[in-house]
Amino acid sequence: MKLVSVKNLKGNEVLAVPVITSSDMVLIQSDTVLKDEYIDKLRDMNIDEVYVRDASDDTEGGKDAPDDGDEAGDSSERSESGEQSHFYTVEDTFESSKKILAKVLERHIYKHNSNLKKIGEAAENILNSVLSEPDVLRNVTEIRNISTDMYSHCINVCSLSTIMALRLRMPPSQVRNISTGAILHDIGLKYIQVPYIDIDVSDMAPKDAVEYKKHTIYGYSSVQEEDWLSDISKEIILLHHERIDGSGFPFQQRGKRLRPEVRLVALCDDFDTLISGIGGKKIKIYEAIEYIRVHMGRIYDSTIAAKLLETVALYPVGMEVITNEGEIGVVVRQNKEATDRPVIKMLKYPDGSDYTEYVEKDLLKVLTLFIVDTR
């Protein structure tokens, strides 16, 4: 994607990042083809620049990750026309990190693979990217992509864990250990051959469940002798499925025997698992948040879970929702004091017909209106 001046738009460009006003209202959704009337609207609202897709977005993750020994490219480059192209820092970092993770792990030998350190560098890049954009700390579900595979899952857990560690004001060394352990937490899935997408462990065939639970040990064993990886990061890989009530695996450890770093990544891993189906049954975001709320203090650390619930939005900006009156709308901004009652732009009436004018409903003001489902 690239950042272009609105005055240079010619029409038919595809918006890569939503246009959001200073009041956090989504003006135009991403993936919208920019027609002349939209461009005129941008000019009328004094919006000078937007992110649009370019040719590199047609391939997964944009530019290829550098080959072994290559230096990572700058976050900007010149287009053929000479115009400066800028990449959306956080998303581009996550996507390039995913490609590095996939490339290294696909060729990973069980032990002693020097290229594995590149994944640690990717985790450091994610940390630096998050630190460079403070707005990311406010609401993680506004910037994260839903996992579609194991690599995306690892990147998402890394980014969420890093953000949570920063919000909990953990020391820099702890944050880095968390980032590195989180990005590698599921490396053991490379060494098992059982289905683990959109299925709970309790629903697996007994022999598959036993094999699946070994992935934490396989993962730990594969990095045990990596001297660049801290002992705490290795513990995260080994223990990220443990729970504070002792109901987890592989050792049924409980309570204070689990380091805070392990408890944090375990929670972030479960949250992404619940909404992605990578390692568990997929459910909707608001259902996952309710699951965390019900189990905080029982299987999840109360302090960490409370911070997660404070951070994530039940209904992220851009999500389509269904109200109790049967109407369909899209979330355009949050009410920070009530994340379950955002402001929505109305799209369809109960009979399915489209709204022909712009109508917003603030659920903190329209108290009889509720979100009952998402699309």
Foldseek 3Di string as FASTA:
>chain_A
DFKDFLVPDPWQFFFQCFDADPVQFGPGHGRDGGHPVNSVVCVVVVPTMGHTDDPQVVDQLRDAADDVPDDGDDQWDADPVRDIGGDPQQVSLLSSLLNLVCVDLVPDDLADDPSLVVNLVSLVSNLVSCVVDVVCLQAVVQPQDQDADPSSLLSQLLNVLLSLCVVVVPDPVLSSLLNSLSSLQQSLVSVADADQFQAELVRDDVVSSVRVLCSLVSSLSSCVPVPVHDPSSSVLSNCLQAFQQQPGDDGSHHDPVRPPSSLSSSLSSQLSCQCRRRRHRHDANLVSLVVLVVCDVPGHDNVSNVSVNLHHASAHAQWWFAKPQQWIWGFGAADSVDSQFGKTWTAAHNVGHGDPDTDIDGCVVVVVIGTDGTD
